[in-house]
Amino acid sequence: MKTLNGIINRAMTWSAVLALALVAGSCSDSDSDNDGPGDVTFPELKTLTVNAGSDAELTFTADADWVLSSNNSWCRFLDGDFAESTISGKAGDQKISIRVTDADQNYERDDVAEITMKMGDKTQVIYKITRPRKGSSGLTVRDENGQVIDADHPLLIEGGNITSPVETKVTLDFDDANVRFGVLTDKSASWVTLTAQTDGYGITFKEENTDGKNPKYPISVEEGAVITFAAQKNGATLAEAAIPIYYEGLAENALEVDPSYMSVTVSEDGQTMTGEGGVSGSESTVYGSELISTVTTRNDAFEIVEFVPAVFDDMGSLVSDFDFSANGNLDWVTTQKIADESDVNLKNRVKLTVSELPEGAETRRAVVMLFPQVVYDEIKADLAGNIIDAETNDIKSAYVTYTMANLTQEKKNDQPEGSVSFAGYYYSNYDGDIEVMTFEEVNMNTGLTPKMEDISDTPEGEAIFEEYGLSIMPKKNIWKATVPAGLMSDGNNRLGIEAVGAGEKSLLTEVQVVTGLKGEAIKVSVSGVEKSLWSVYITDGGKPSGYQVMVMDTSDDTIEAVCVVQITD
């Protein structure tokens, strides 16, 4: 029995040991499952930029089984035909495709999605995917016909006429109604002016620009000019659109004459022109021996037409009809185009002179007109029929602004006896190089505006006339020369005054000496004709006042005319 009990006890002991061993083995397996793969190494963080609507590929190496997840719904993993927010796989080298959509995409900032890898119970971000904000394609510019403006459809900026430029309109579209539209001037041509409107902008040519563009000349699309529009929100620019532009130049029928001389009387010898219009407006002005006008028109292309106007009596009855027999080129009126190629503003001018009236000839008249090239080409086959209105027997209203001058040249005895006027000149002498310019030429070449005007019927003229009295000055004839000080600053720069229409017994001299001014008689050549002038210049750098020049009839010591000199800055 004792032997049997011992055998039983030993058997029970081994059973317990075996059970403990099994329990221990079972616990060891469970702990291994909880620990996962043990130590793992995650791939280094990578960044990738993917545009909305595009797919991309992620590459990495995993030490163990893995799971990838995306934290943004616009970035998904491609699994066959499906786009999933997570995807899993085995250890080894991997290539995974992702798809980026435009869901919730905005214009204000870029979006970033993080791709997180999990191996066992450990996680780490291994990719950052950047989706750029919406670009300039969201801002659309259209012309007045609804055409989208782009590289294949540039915008034509119209030129219009001289005084009223045509406005070219565009509309702007953006898919966010809360944005504000603007223009990025630092990214736009300087030769355009943009005016904001309800749904876009009006565009016109800007004469004062830093690109050196002149409204007369077309600008081709090849020059690469653009206007850059922007859509902005909360102070940030959401999108830009740079549209290509080009310019047609002034309208083909646009032309400006500056100045125009609407009523000019020419002396018998053709050397003195006096009349209304020009730089002094409607006041009577003496221009000297020539008229000069600047012409503004597309590409500086124009033609000159000269003809004899119709004449009517005081009752409005026709005395003589228009005469176009010279086909636009009268032999006694000479017009020529003059230019200074170094200055675009002086590139397109016309100088007009008149020849001497033949002995025994009657008063003659002329109209000088300047037509844009396109208009001239349309009317040249029949100048009279196209320029003159048959019903009114006058120049058609559409062409009146093309007039440069209306001229009347009279015989000397047609003028009132004793009619004396004054003409002004600028005299310069530099090392013996003498130049004499009329006031009109000074204005055209320097921008200074000296003028000679009849002030007889002004309060100033009336006062001067009363000072002299009828016994000394039988006829009221008072003039004023207004001259910038720089034109008479010293002996080499002088004001020159001519007595026009003075007789053989007339004397041109100063009335009285004024401190600070020096006056003396000189003889000069003007356009090949010798003239006697009274010259005046400043001696002390000031602007003295009260100086007067007179024309005296030495036969009876009466004054025929007085010219006051006013010096300006």
Protein backbone atom coordinates (compact mmCIF):
# COMPACT_ATOMS: atom_id res chain seq x y z
CA MET A 1 0.00 0.00 0.00
CA LYS A 2 2.84 2.36 0.86
CA THR A 3 4.46 1.66 -2.46
CA LEU A 4 1.19 2.28 -4.28
CA ASN A 5 0.65 5.61 -2.40
CA GLY A 6 4.14 6.76 -3.31
CA ILE A 7 3.56 5.99 -6.95
CA ILE A 8 0.29 7.94 -6.87
CA ASN A 9 1.90 10.94 -5.13
CA ARG A 10 4.71 11.12 -7.67
CA ALA A 11 2.21 10.98 -10.53
CA MET A 12 0.23 13.85 -9.03
CA THR A 13 3.42 15.89 -8.58
CA TRP A 14 4.43 15.53 -12.30
CA SER A 15 0.89 16.38 -13.32
CA ALA A 16 1.06 19.61 -11.35
CA VAL A 17 4.46 20.43 -12.81
CA LEU A 18 3.17 19.78 -16.33
CA ALA A 19 0.09 21.94 -15.68
CA LEU A 20 2.23 24.76 -14.42
CA ALA A 21 4.43 24.44 -17.47
CA LEU A 22 1.40 24.62 -19.77
CA VAL A 23 0.08 27.63 -17.91
CA ALA A 24 3.44 29.34 -18.13
CA GLY A 25 3.67 28.56 -21.85
CA SER A 26 0.18 29.94 -22.43
CA CYS A 27 1.04 33.21 -20.63
CA SER A 28 4.22 33.65 -22.71
CA ASP A 29 2.30 33.45 -26.03
CA SER A 30 -0.25 36.06 -24.88
CA ASP A 31 2.47 38.57 -23.88
CA SER A 32 4.15 38.20 -27.28
CA ASP A 33 0.91 39.18 -29.15
CA ASN A 34 0.50 42.34 -27.07
CA ASP A 35 4.05 43.58 -27.74
CA GLY A 36 3.53 43.58 -31.56
CA PRO A 37 6.58 43.53 -33.87
CA GLY A 38 8.90 44.94 -31.26
CA ASP A 39 11.26 47.82 -32.31
CA VAL A 40 10.37 49.39 -35.71
CA THR A 41 11.87 52.22 -37.77
CA PHE A 42 9.47 54.65 -39.47
CA PRO A 43 10.26 56.26 -42.84
CA GLU A 44 11.62 59.84 -42.75
CA LEU A 45 9.02 62.59 -43.12
CA LYS A 46 8.49 63.71 -46.72
CA THR A 47 6.56 66.66 -48.18
CA LEU A 48 4.68 66.73 -51.45
CA THR A 49 2.66 69.39 -53.29
CA VAL A 50 -0.31 68.16 -55.31
CA ASN A 51 -2.79 70.36 -57.18
CA ALA A 52 -6.49 69.83 -56.76
CA GLY A 53 -7.82 67.29 -59.27
CA SER A 54 -4.51 65.41 -59.47
CA ASP A 55 -3.18 62.02 -58.36
CA ALA A 56 0.26 61.35 -56.85
CA GLU A 57 2.35 58.39 -55.62
CA LEU A 58 3.74 57.85 -52.12
CA THR A 59 6.80 55.60 -51.68
CA PHE A 60 8.20 54.19 -48.42
CA THR A 61 9.71 51.09 -46.75
CA ALA A 62 7.99 49.48 -43.75
CA ASP A 63 9.60 47.15 -41.17
CA ALA A 64 6.30 45.46 -40.35
CA ASP A 65 2.63 45.33 -41.28
CA TRP A 66 1.31 48.87 -41.52
CA VAL A 67 -1.80 51.04 -41.79
CA LEU A 68 -1.90 54.53 -43.41
CA SER A 69 -4.56 57.17 -42.65
CA SER A 70 -5.26 60.73 -43.94
CA ASN A 71 -6.57 63.51 -41.70
CA ASN A 72 -8.28 65.44 -44.52
CA SER A 73 -11.19 64.26 -46.64
CA TRP A 74 -9.81 65.92 -49.81
CA CYS A 75 -6.79 63.56 -49.70
CA ARG A 76 -7.66 59.85 -50.17
CA PHE A 77 -5.84 56.57 -50.92
CA LEU A 78 -6.68 54.77 -54.14
CA ASP A 79 -7.61 51.12 -53.67
CA GLY A 80 -8.70 49.84 -57.04
CA ASP A 81 -11.74 51.89 -58.07
CA PHE A 82 -12.25 53.25 -54.57
CA ALA A 83 -10.81 56.22 -52.70
CA GLU A 84 -10.41 55.41 -49.01
CA SER A 85 -9.38 57.32 -45.92
CA THR A 86 -7.16 54.40 -44.75
CA ILE A 87 -5.15 51.64 -46.41
CA SER A 88 -2.99 48.78 -45.07
CA GLY A 89 -0.24 46.45 -46.22
CA LYS A 90 2.70 44.20 -45.37
CA ALA A 91 6.33 44.99 -44.56
CA GLY A 92 8.66 45.90 -47.41
CA ASP A 93 9.00 48.56 -50.15
CA GLN A 94 5.67 50.21 -50.98
CA LYS A 95 4.04 52.45 -53.62
CA ILE A 96 0.66 53.92 -52.73
CA SER A 97 -1.46 56.21 -54.93
CA ILE A 98 -3.37 59.18 -53.52
CA ARG A 99 -6.02 61.46 -55.04
CA VAL A 100 -6.40 65.18 -54.18
CA THR A 101 -9.82 66.78 -54.85
CA ASP A 102 -11.01 70.41 -54.78
CA ALA A 103 -13.43 69.83 -51.90
CA ASP A 104 -13.53 72.92 -49.63
CA GLN A 105 -10.61 74.50 -51.49
CA ASN A 106 -10.27 78.29 -50.94
CA TYR A 107 -8.34 81.29 -52.30
CA GLU A 108 -6.90 82.54 -49.03
CA ARG A 109 -4.41 79.80 -48.02
CA ASP A 110 -2.85 76.48 -48.96
CA ASP A 111 -4.24 73.32 -47.32
CA VAL A 112 -2.10 70.54 -45.75
CA ALA A 113 -3.05 66.89 -45.16
CA GLU A 114 -0.98 64.62 -42.86
CA ILE A 115 -0.45 60.95 -43.75
CA THR A 116 0.04 58.89 -40.57
CA MET A 117 1.60 55.35 -40.49
CA LYS A 118 0.77 52.82 -37.76
CA MET A 119 2.95 49.74 -37.08
CA GLY A 120 1.87 47.75 -34.08
CA ASP A 121 0.85 50.20 -31.38
CA LYS A 122 3.16 52.96 -32.65
CA THR A 123 2.25 55.82 -35.03
CA GLN A 124 4.12 58.57 -36.87
CA VAL A 125 3.40 61.16 -39.62
CA ILE A 126 5.43 60.17 -42.70
CA TYR A 127 4.00 62.54 -45.38
CA LYS A 128 2.63 66.08 -45.51
CA ILE A 129 0.59 66.78 -48.66
CA THR A 130 0.15 70.47 -49.61
CA ARG A 131 -2.80 71.45 -51.81
CA PRO A 132 -2.21 75.01 -53.18
CA ARG A 133 -4.96 77.59 -52.88
CA LYS A 134 -7.13 78.37 -55.89
CA GLY A 135 -5.18 80.24 -58.56
CA SER A 136 -5.83 83.04 -61.11
CA SER A 137 -8.05 80.81 -63.20
CA GLY A 138 -10.83 81.76 -60.83
CA LEU A 139 -10.79 85.41 -62.02
CA THR A 140 -12.22 85.93 -65.51
CA VAL A 141 -12.15 89.13 -67.57
CA ARG A 142 -14.54 89.64 -70.49
CA ASP A 143 -14.98 92.38 -73.09
CA GLU A 144 -18.28 94.10 -73.93
CA ASN A 145 -19.26 91.19 -76.20
CA GLY A 146 -18.71 88.59 -73.48
CA GLN A 147 -15.47 87.29 -75.01
CA VAL A 148 -12.97 86.04 -72.42
CA ILE A 149 -9.73 88.05 -72.61
CA ASP A 150 -6.64 85.82 -72.68
CA ALA A 151 -3.42 85.30 -74.63
CA ASP A 152 -5.38 84.29 -77.72
CA HIS A 153 -7.90 87.12 -77.35
CA PRO A 154 -6.09 90.35 -76.30
CA LEU A 155 -8.12 93.46 -75.49
CA LEU A 156 -8.12 96.37 -77.97
CA ILE A 157 -8.07 99.79 -76.27
CA GLU A 158 -9.89 102.26 -78.52
CA GLY A 159 -8.47 105.70 -79.20
CA GLY A 160 -11.47 107.92 -79.84
CA ASN A 161 -11.13 111.57 -80.81
CA ILE A 162 -8.96 114.31 -79.35
CA THR A 163 -11.23 115.77 -76.66
CA SER A 164 -13.44 112.76 -75.85
CA PRO A 165 -11.54 109.46 -75.67
CA VAL A 166 -13.63 106.34 -76.15
CA GLU A 167 -13.99 104.13 -73.07
CA THR A 168 -13.29 100.42 -73.52
CA LYS A 169 -15.27 98.40 -70.96
CA VAL A 170 -14.52 95.04 -69.32
CA THR A 171 -16.41 92.94 -66.78
CA LEU A 172 -14.85 90.76 -64.05
CA ASP A 173 -16.22 87.44 -62.76
CA PHE A 174 -15.23 85.48 -59.66
CA ASP A 175 -16.95 82.58 -57.91
CA ASP A 176 -16.93 84.31 -54.51
CA ALA A 177 -19.47 87.14 -54.41
CA ASN A 178 -17.81 88.69 -51.36
CA VAL A 179 -14.55 89.66 -53.02
CA ARG A 180 -13.55 93.19 -54.08
CA PHE A 181 -11.94 93.81 -57.46
CA GLY A 182 -8.91 96.00 -57.91
CA VAL A 183 -6.07 96.87 -60.29
CA LEU A 184 -2.42 96.14 -59.52
CA THR A 185 -0.89 99.30 -60.98
CA ASP A 186 2.70 98.11 -60.50
CA LYS A 187 1.88 95.17 -62.77
CA SER A 188 -0.06 97.19 -65.38
CA ALA A 189 0.80 99.47 -68.29
CA SER A 190 1.07 103.13 -67.27
CA TRP A 191 -0.62 104.38 -70.47
CA VAL A 192 -4.14 103.41 -69.39
CA THR A 193 -6.59 105.00 -66.99
CA LEU A 194 -9.08 102.64 -65.32
CA THR A 195 -12.39 103.78 -63.85
CA ALA A 196 -14.26 101.39 -61.55
CA GLN A 197 -17.81 100.57 -62.60
CA THR A 198 -20.57 98.37 -61.18
CA ASP A 199 -19.31 95.07 -62.57
CA GLY A 200 -15.93 95.95 -64.03
CA TYR A 201 -13.84 98.82 -65.36
CA GLY A 202 -13.81 101.45 -68.08
CA ILE A 203 -10.41 101.87 -69.77
CA THR A 204 -9.07 104.90 -71.66
CA PHE A 205 -5.66 105.99 -72.92
CA LYS A 206 -3.65 108.03 -70.38
CA GLU A 207 -1.57 110.74 -72.03
CA GLU A 208 0.67 111.36 -69.01
CA ASN A 209 2.41 108.00 -68.68
CA THR A 210 5.87 106.71 -67.79
CA ASP A 211 6.03 104.35 -70.78
CA GLY A 212 6.55 107.28 -73.16
CA LYS A 213 3.48 106.44 -75.23
CA ASN A 214 1.68 109.07 -77.31
CA PRO A 215 -2.06 108.76 -78.02
CA LYS A 216 -1.45 109.46 -81.72
CA TYR A 217 0.37 106.18 -82.33
CA PRO A 218 -0.92 102.57 -82.18
CA ILE A 219 0.66 100.11 -79.70
CA SER A 220 0.93 96.54 -80.96
CA VAL A 221 0.11 93.45 -78.91
CA GLU A 222 3.71 92.29 -79.48
CA GLU A 223 4.90 94.98 -77.04
CA GLY A 224 3.50 92.84 -74.24
CA ALA A 225 1.49 95.44 -72.34
CA VAL A 226 -0.94 94.06 -69.74
CA ILE A 227 -3.48 95.17 -67.16
CA THR A 228 -3.42 93.07 -64.00
CA PHE A 229 -6.71 92.75 -62.13
CA ALA A 230 -7.01 91.23 -58.65
CA ALA A 231 -9.74 89.70 -56.52
CA GLN A 232 -9.27 90.56 -52.84
CA LYS A 233 -10.91 89.52 -49.60
CA ASN A 234 -10.11 90.47 -46.01
CA GLY A 235 -7.05 92.36 -47.21
CA ALA A 236 -5.59 89.35 -49.03
CA THR A 237 -5.26 88.89 -52.80
CA LEU A 238 -7.07 85.69 -53.71
CA ALA A 239 -6.43 85.71 -57.45
CA GLU A 240 -4.85 87.74 -60.24
CA ALA A 241 -5.50 87.95 -63.97
CA ALA A 242 -3.02 89.74 -66.28
CA ILE A 243 -4.79 90.45 -69.57
CA PRO A 244 -2.85 91.41 -72.74
CA ILE A 245 -3.79 94.79 -74.27
CA TYR A 246 -2.99 96.81 -77.38
CA TYR A 247 -4.01 100.25 -78.67
CA GLU A 248 -5.43 101.35 -82.02
CA GLY A 249 -4.20 104.97 -81.87
CA LEU A 250 -6.47 107.98 -82.32
CA ALA A 251 -9.63 107.46 -84.31
CA GLU A 252 -8.86 107.63 -88.02
CA ASN A 253 -10.93 110.78 -88.47
CA ALA A 254 -9.55 112.58 -85.39
CA LEU A 255 -7.44 115.70 -85.94
CA GLU A 256 -6.68 118.77 -83.82
CA VAL A 257 -5.12 122.02 -85.05
CA ASP A 258 -3.51 124.11 -82.31
CA PRO A 259 -3.76 127.00 -82.67
CA SER A 260 -6.24 127.65 -85.46
CA TYR A 261 -6.47 131.12 -87.01
CA MET A 262 -10.12 131.77 -87.79
CA SER A 263 -9.85 135.30 -89.18
CA VAL A 264 -6.45 136.63 -90.27
CA THR A 265 -5.69 139.75 -92.32
CA VAL A 266 -2.45 139.63 -94.31
CA SER A 267 -0.51 142.76 -95.26
CA GLU A 268 0.03 143.59 -98.92
CA ASP A 269 3.66 142.42 -98.76
CA GLY A 270 2.71 139.21 -96.93
CA GLN A 271 5.04 140.00 -94.03
CA THR A 272 2.48 140.81 -91.34
CA MET A 273 -0.56 138.78 -90.34
CA THR A 274 -3.06 140.17 -87.85
CA GLY A 275 -6.28 138.70 -86.58
CA GLU A 276 -8.34 136.70 -84.13
CA GLY A 277 -7.67 133.25 -82.77
CA GLY A 278 -4.31 131.64 -82.18
CA VAL A 279 -2.52 131.54 -78.84
CA SER A 280 -4.13 134.78 -77.63
CA GLY A 281 -7.71 133.62 -78.09
CA SER A 282 -10.17 136.08 -79.61
CA GLU A 283 -8.11 139.23 -79.01
CA SER A 284 -6.48 140.94 -81.97
CA THR A 285 -2.97 139.58 -82.34
CA VAL A 286 -0.04 140.30 -84.65
CA TYR A 287 1.66 137.11 -85.80
CA GLY A 288 4.37 138.46 -88.06
CA SER A 289 5.15 136.87 -91.43
CA GLU A 290 4.08 133.29 -90.71
CA LEU A 291 1.51 131.15 -88.93
CA ILE A 292 2.49 127.90 -87.22
CA SER A 293 0.14 125.19 -85.96
CA THR A 294 0.72 121.84 -84.29
CA VAL A 295 -1.31 118.96 -85.73
CA THR A 296 -2.44 115.98 -83.66
CA THR A 297 -3.73 113.01 -85.63
CA ARG A 298 -3.16 109.25 -85.92
CA ASN A 299 0.39 108.42 -87.00
CA ASP A 300 0.97 112.08 -87.96
CA ALA A 301 -0.66 111.28 -91.30
CA PHE A 302 -2.59 114.20 -92.84
CA GLU A 303 -2.94 116.23 -96.03
CA ILE A 304 -3.22 120.00 -96.60
CA VAL A 305 -5.98 121.50 -98.74
CA GLU A 306 -6.09 125.18 -99.82
CA PHE A 307 -9.00 126.79 -101.64
CA VAL A 308 -10.80 130.09 -102.21
CA PRO A 309 -13.89 130.55 -99.99
CA ALA A 310 -17.25 131.88 -101.04
CA VAL A 311 -17.95 135.58 -100.41
CA PHE A 312 -21.32 136.97 -99.31
CA ASP A 313 -22.52 140.56 -99.10
CA ASP A 314 -24.09 142.21 -96.03
CA MET A 315 -27.50 140.86 -97.05
CA GLY A 316 -26.21 137.30 -97.21
CA SER A 317 -26.31 137.08 -100.97
CA LEU A 318 -23.56 135.13 -102.70
CA VAL A 319 -20.99 137.41 -104.35
CA SER A 320 -18.47 134.77 -105.44
CA ASP A 321 -18.53 130.99 -105.08
CA PHE A 322 -15.96 128.56 -103.67
CA ASP A 323 -13.06 127.94 -106.01
CA PHE A 324 -11.25 124.58 -105.96
CA SER A 325 -9.70 125.00 -109.41
CA ALA A 326 -6.18 124.77 -107.94
CA ASN A 327 -7.08 121.29 -106.63
CA GLY A 328 -6.14 122.13 -103.06
CA ASN A 329 -2.89 123.99 -103.73
CA LEU A 330 -3.05 127.78 -104.13
CA ASP A 331 0.10 129.30 -105.60
CA TRP A 332 0.14 132.37 -103.30
CA VAL A 333 -0.21 130.40 -100.05
CA THR A 334 2.76 128.26 -99.03
CA THR A 335 2.25 125.54 -96.42
CA GLN A 336 4.89 123.08 -95.36
CA LYS A 337 5.22 120.38 -92.74
CA ILE A 338 8.01 121.02 -90.25
CA ALA A 339 9.23 118.68 -87.55
CA ASP A 340 11.69 118.25 -84.73
CA GLU A 341 12.33 114.51 -84.58
CA SER A 342 13.94 114.82 -81.15
CA ASP A 343 10.67 115.92 -79.55
CA VAL A 344 7.46 114.03 -80.29
CA ASN A 345 5.42 117.11 -79.34
CA LEU A 346 7.12 119.14 -82.10
CA LYS A 347 7.04 116.37 -84.69
CA ASN A 348 3.97 117.44 -86.54
CA ARG A 349 3.66 121.13 -87.33
CA VAL A 350 2.61 123.24 -90.31
CA LYS A 351 4.08 126.61 -91.24
CA LEU A 352 2.03 128.96 -93.43
CA THR A 353 3.33 132.00 -95.33
CA VAL A 354 1.74 134.29 -97.95
CA SER A 355 3.39 135.85 -100.97
CA GLU A 356 3.20 139.54 -101.84
CA LEU A 357 -0.03 140.75 -103.42
CA PRO A 358 0.72 141.56 -107.08
CA GLU A 359 0.48 145.23 -108.06
CA GLY A 360 -3.02 146.08 -109.17
CA ALA A 361 -4.50 142.85 -107.78
CA GLU A 362 -7.71 142.89 -105.79
CA THR A 363 -8.23 141.54 -102.28
CA ARG A 364 -7.84 137.75 -102.20
CA ARG A 365 -8.94 135.11 -99.71
CA ALA A 366 -8.01 131.56 -98.80
CA VAL A 367 -9.04 128.76 -96.50
CA VAL A 368 -6.37 126.28 -95.37
CA MET A 369 -7.60 122.94 -94.02
CA LEU A 370 -5.77 119.90 -92.67
CA PHE A 371 -7.45 116.50 -93.17
CA PRO A 372 -6.58 113.18 -91.53
CA GLN A 373 -5.10 110.89 -94.18
CA VAL A 374 -8.05 108.49 -94.17
CA VAL A 375 -10.55 111.34 -94.58
CA TYR A 376 -8.49 112.96 -97.35
CA ASP A 377 -8.31 109.67 -99.25
CA GLU A 378 -12.11 109.52 -99.15
CA ILE A 379 -12.69 113.08 -100.45
CA LYS A 380 -9.73 113.78 -102.75
CA ALA A 381 -11.51 112.69 -105.92
CA ASP A 382 -14.03 115.55 -105.50
CA LEU A 383 -12.80 118.10 -102.97
CA ALA A 384 -15.49 120.70 -103.64
CA GLY A 385 -18.35 118.20 -103.69
CA ASN A 386 -17.23 116.53 -100.47
CA ILE A 387 -16.12 119.54 -98.38
CA ILE A 388 -18.89 122.02 -99.23
CA ASP A 389 -22.51 121.62 -98.16
CA ALA A 390 -24.57 122.28 -101.30
CA GLU A 391 -27.57 123.60 -99.35
CA THR A 392 -25.74 126.10 -97.12
CA ASN A 393 -22.86 126.77 -99.52
CA ASP A 394 -20.53 126.49 -96.55
CA ILE A 395 -18.01 124.00 -95.20
CA LYS A 396 -19.73 120.89 -93.85
CA SER A 397 -19.99 120.93 -90.06
CA ALA A 398 -18.12 117.61 -89.80
CA TYR A 399 -15.03 119.25 -91.32
CA VAL A 400 -15.02 122.72 -89.73
CA THR A 401 -12.60 121.66 -86.96
CA TYR A 402 -10.04 120.74 -89.61
CA THR A 403 -9.55 124.44 -90.47
CA MET A 404 -6.09 125.88 -89.85
CA ALA A 405 -6.63 129.42 -91.16
CA ASN A 406 -9.00 131.81 -92.92
CA LEU A 407 -6.90 134.42 -94.74
CA THR A 408 -7.72 137.77 -96.31
CA GLN A 409 -4.94 139.69 -98.06
CA GLU A 410 -5.82 143.29 -98.79
CA LYS A 411 -4.25 146.09 -100.76
CA LYS A 412 -2.63 148.69 -98.55
CA ASN A 413 -5.18 151.33 -99.52
CA ASP A 414 -7.94 149.02 -98.32
CA GLN A 415 -6.79 149.69 -94.77
CA PRO A 416 -7.80 152.82 -92.82
CA GLU A 417 -5.30 155.66 -93.09
CA GLY A 418 -2.88 155.89 -90.23
CA SER A 419 -3.64 152.32 -89.07
CA VAL A 420 -0.52 151.33 -87.12
CA SER A 421 -0.10 148.13 -85.13
CA PHE A 422 2.76 146.34 -83.40
CA ALA A 423 4.42 142.95 -83.82
CA GLY A 424 6.63 141.28 -81.20
CA TYR A 425 9.92 139.41 -81.67
CA TYR A 426 12.57 137.70 -79.55
CA TYR A 427 16.12 138.71 -80.48
CA SER A 428 19.14 136.66 -79.32
CA ASN A 429 22.84 137.13 -80.01
CA TYR A 430 25.30 134.45 -78.93
CA ASP A 431 28.86 135.06 -80.07
CA GLY A 432 27.62 136.76 -83.21
CA ASP A 433 25.04 134.06 -83.99
CA ILE A 434 21.89 136.20 -84.25
CA GLU A 435 18.43 134.65 -84.25
CA VAL A 436 15.10 136.47 -84.46
CA MET A 437 11.84 134.64 -83.72
CA THR A 438 8.27 135.84 -83.86
CA PHE A 439 6.19 135.47 -80.69
CA GLU A 440 4.38 132.58 -82.37
CA GLU A 441 7.67 130.74 -83.00
CA VAL A 442 8.76 131.34 -79.40
CA ASN A 443 5.54 129.76 -78.17
CA MET A 444 5.96 126.73 -80.43
CA ASN A 445 9.65 126.14 -79.70
CA THR A 446 9.99 126.97 -76.00
CA GLY A 447 6.55 126.75 -74.41
CA LEU A 448 6.85 130.38 -73.26
CA THR A 449 3.86 132.54 -74.14
CA PRO A 450 4.78 136.12 -75.03
CA LYS A 451 1.94 137.96 -76.73
CA MET A 452 1.18 141.23 -78.47
CA GLU A 453 -2.44 142.40 -78.20
CA ASP A 454 -4.64 145.39 -78.93
CA ILE A 455 -5.97 146.70 -75.59
CA SER A 456 -7.52 149.92 -76.92
CA ASP A 457 -11.03 149.06 -75.71
CA THR A 458 -9.99 147.68 -72.33
CA PRO A 459 -10.02 149.74 -69.11
CA GLU A 460 -6.21 149.78 -69.18
CA GLY A 461 -6.15 151.03 -72.75
CA GLU A 462 -8.80 153.65 -72.06
CA ALA A 463 -6.79 154.97 -69.10
CA ILE A 464 -3.59 155.31 -71.12
CA PHE A 465 -5.44 157.02 -73.98
CA GLU A 466 -6.97 159.53 -71.56
CA GLU A 467 -3.51 160.35 -70.14
CA TYR A 468 -2.25 161.44 -73.55
CA GLY A 469 -5.40 163.27 -74.62
CA LEU A 470 -6.83 163.85 -78.08
CA SER A 471 -4.52 166.76 -78.86
CA ILE A 472 -1.47 164.49 -78.64
CA MET A 473 -3.10 161.19 -79.66
CA PRO A 474 -5.99 161.82 -82.06
CA LYS A 475 -6.84 158.14 -82.49
CA LYS A 476 -7.10 155.60 -79.67
CA ASN A 477 -4.55 152.90 -80.57
CA ILE A 478 -3.09 151.20 -77.48
CA TRP A 479 -1.23 147.84 -77.50
CA LYS A 480 0.46 145.66 -74.89
CA ALA A 481 3.46 143.33 -75.17
CA THR A 482 3.41 140.73 -72.36
CA VAL A 483 6.88 139.15 -72.19
CA PRO A 484 8.56 136.62 -69.81
CA ALA A 485 11.65 138.20 -68.22
CA GLY A 486 13.88 135.47 -69.66
CA LEU A 487 13.25 136.74 -73.20
CA MET A 488 14.72 140.18 -72.41
CA SER A 489 17.18 139.37 -69.62
CA ASP A 490 20.27 141.13 -71.05
CA GLY A 491 21.82 142.64 -74.17
CA ASN A 492 22.01 139.21 -75.79
CA ASN A 493 18.32 138.45 -75.13
CA ARG A 494 15.95 141.24 -76.12
CA LEU A 495 12.34 142.06 -76.83
CA GLY A 496 11.95 143.42 -80.35
CA ILE A 497 8.96 145.62 -81.29
CA GLU A 498 8.01 146.38 -84.90
CA ALA A 499 5.70 149.22 -85.97
CA VAL A 500 3.49 147.63 -88.61
CA GLY A 501 1.89 149.97 -91.16
CA ALA A 502 3.97 152.98 -90.12
CA GLY A 503 4.60 155.61 -92.83
CA GLU A 504 7.82 157.26 -93.94
CA LYS A 505 7.34 160.14 -91.49
CA SER A 506 6.66 157.80 -88.54
CA LEU A 507 9.23 157.41 -85.78
CA LEU A 508 9.39 154.34 -83.51
CA THR A 509 10.93 155.19 -80.14
CA GLU A 510 10.45 154.94 -76.39
CA VAL A 511 8.14 157.36 -74.62
CA GLN A 512 10.32 157.81 -71.56
CA VAL A 513 13.30 156.18 -69.89
CA VAL A 514 12.52 153.59 -67.16
CA THR A 515 15.20 152.61 -64.65
CA GLY A 516 16.29 148.99 -65.15
CA LEU A 517 15.48 148.88 -68.89
CA LYS A 518 17.55 149.78 -71.90
CA GLY A 519 15.95 150.54 -75.28
CA GLU A 520 17.50 151.16 -78.69
CA ALA A 521 16.74 150.84 -82.40
CA ILE A 522 18.17 147.86 -84.29
CA LYS A 523 17.88 146.41 -87.78
CA VAL A 524 17.45 142.65 -88.20
CA SER A 525 16.65 140.13 -90.91
CA VAL A 526 13.41 138.17 -90.48
CA SER A 527 12.86 135.40 -93.03
CA GLY A 528 15.16 137.26 -95.41
CA VAL A 529 13.37 140.61 -94.97
CA GLU A 530 15.15 143.49 -93.21
CA LYS A 531 13.09 145.03 -90.40
CA SER A 532 13.59 147.99 -88.10
CA LEU A 533 12.81 147.09 -84.49
CA TRP A 534 12.90 148.89 -81.17
CA SER A 535 14.76 146.53 -78.84
CA VAL A 536 14.36 146.47 -75.04
CA TYR A 537 16.21 144.49 -72.38
CA ILE A 538 16.57 144.37 -68.59
CA THR A 539 19.75 145.78 -67.08
CA ASP A 540 19.42 145.00 -63.37
CA GLY A 541 17.66 141.64 -63.21
CA GLY A 542 14.35 143.09 -62.03
CA LYS A 543 10.92 143.46 -63.63
CA PRO A 544 10.48 147.24 -64.02
CA SER A 545 7.07 148.50 -65.08
CA GLY A 546 5.75 151.55 -66.89
CA TYR A 547 7.83 151.23 -70.05
CA GLN A 548 6.09 152.38 -73.25
CA VAL A 549 7.05 152.54 -76.91
CA MET A 550 5.32 154.92 -79.31
CA VAL A 551 4.99 155.59 -83.01
CA MET A 552 5.12 159.36 -83.62
CA ASP A 553 4.08 161.16 -86.79
CA THR A 554 6.96 163.64 -87.14
CA SER A 555 4.96 165.81 -89.55
CA ASP A 556 2.72 167.06 -86.72
CA ASP A 557 4.27 165.49 -83.58
CA THR A 558 1.19 163.43 -82.81
CA ILE A 559 1.24 159.88 -81.48
CA GLU A 560 -0.15 157.21 -83.84
CA ALA A 561 0.13 154.26 -81.47
CA VAL A 562 1.49 153.28 -78.05
CA CYS A 563 2.76 149.86 -76.88
CA VAL A 564 3.01 149.09 -73.16
CA VAL A 565 5.60 146.49 -72.05
CA GLN A 566 4.58 144.18 -69.22
CA ILE A 567 7.29 141.85 -67.85
CA THR A 568 6.25 138.54 -66.26
CA ASP A 569 8.10 135.66 -64.58
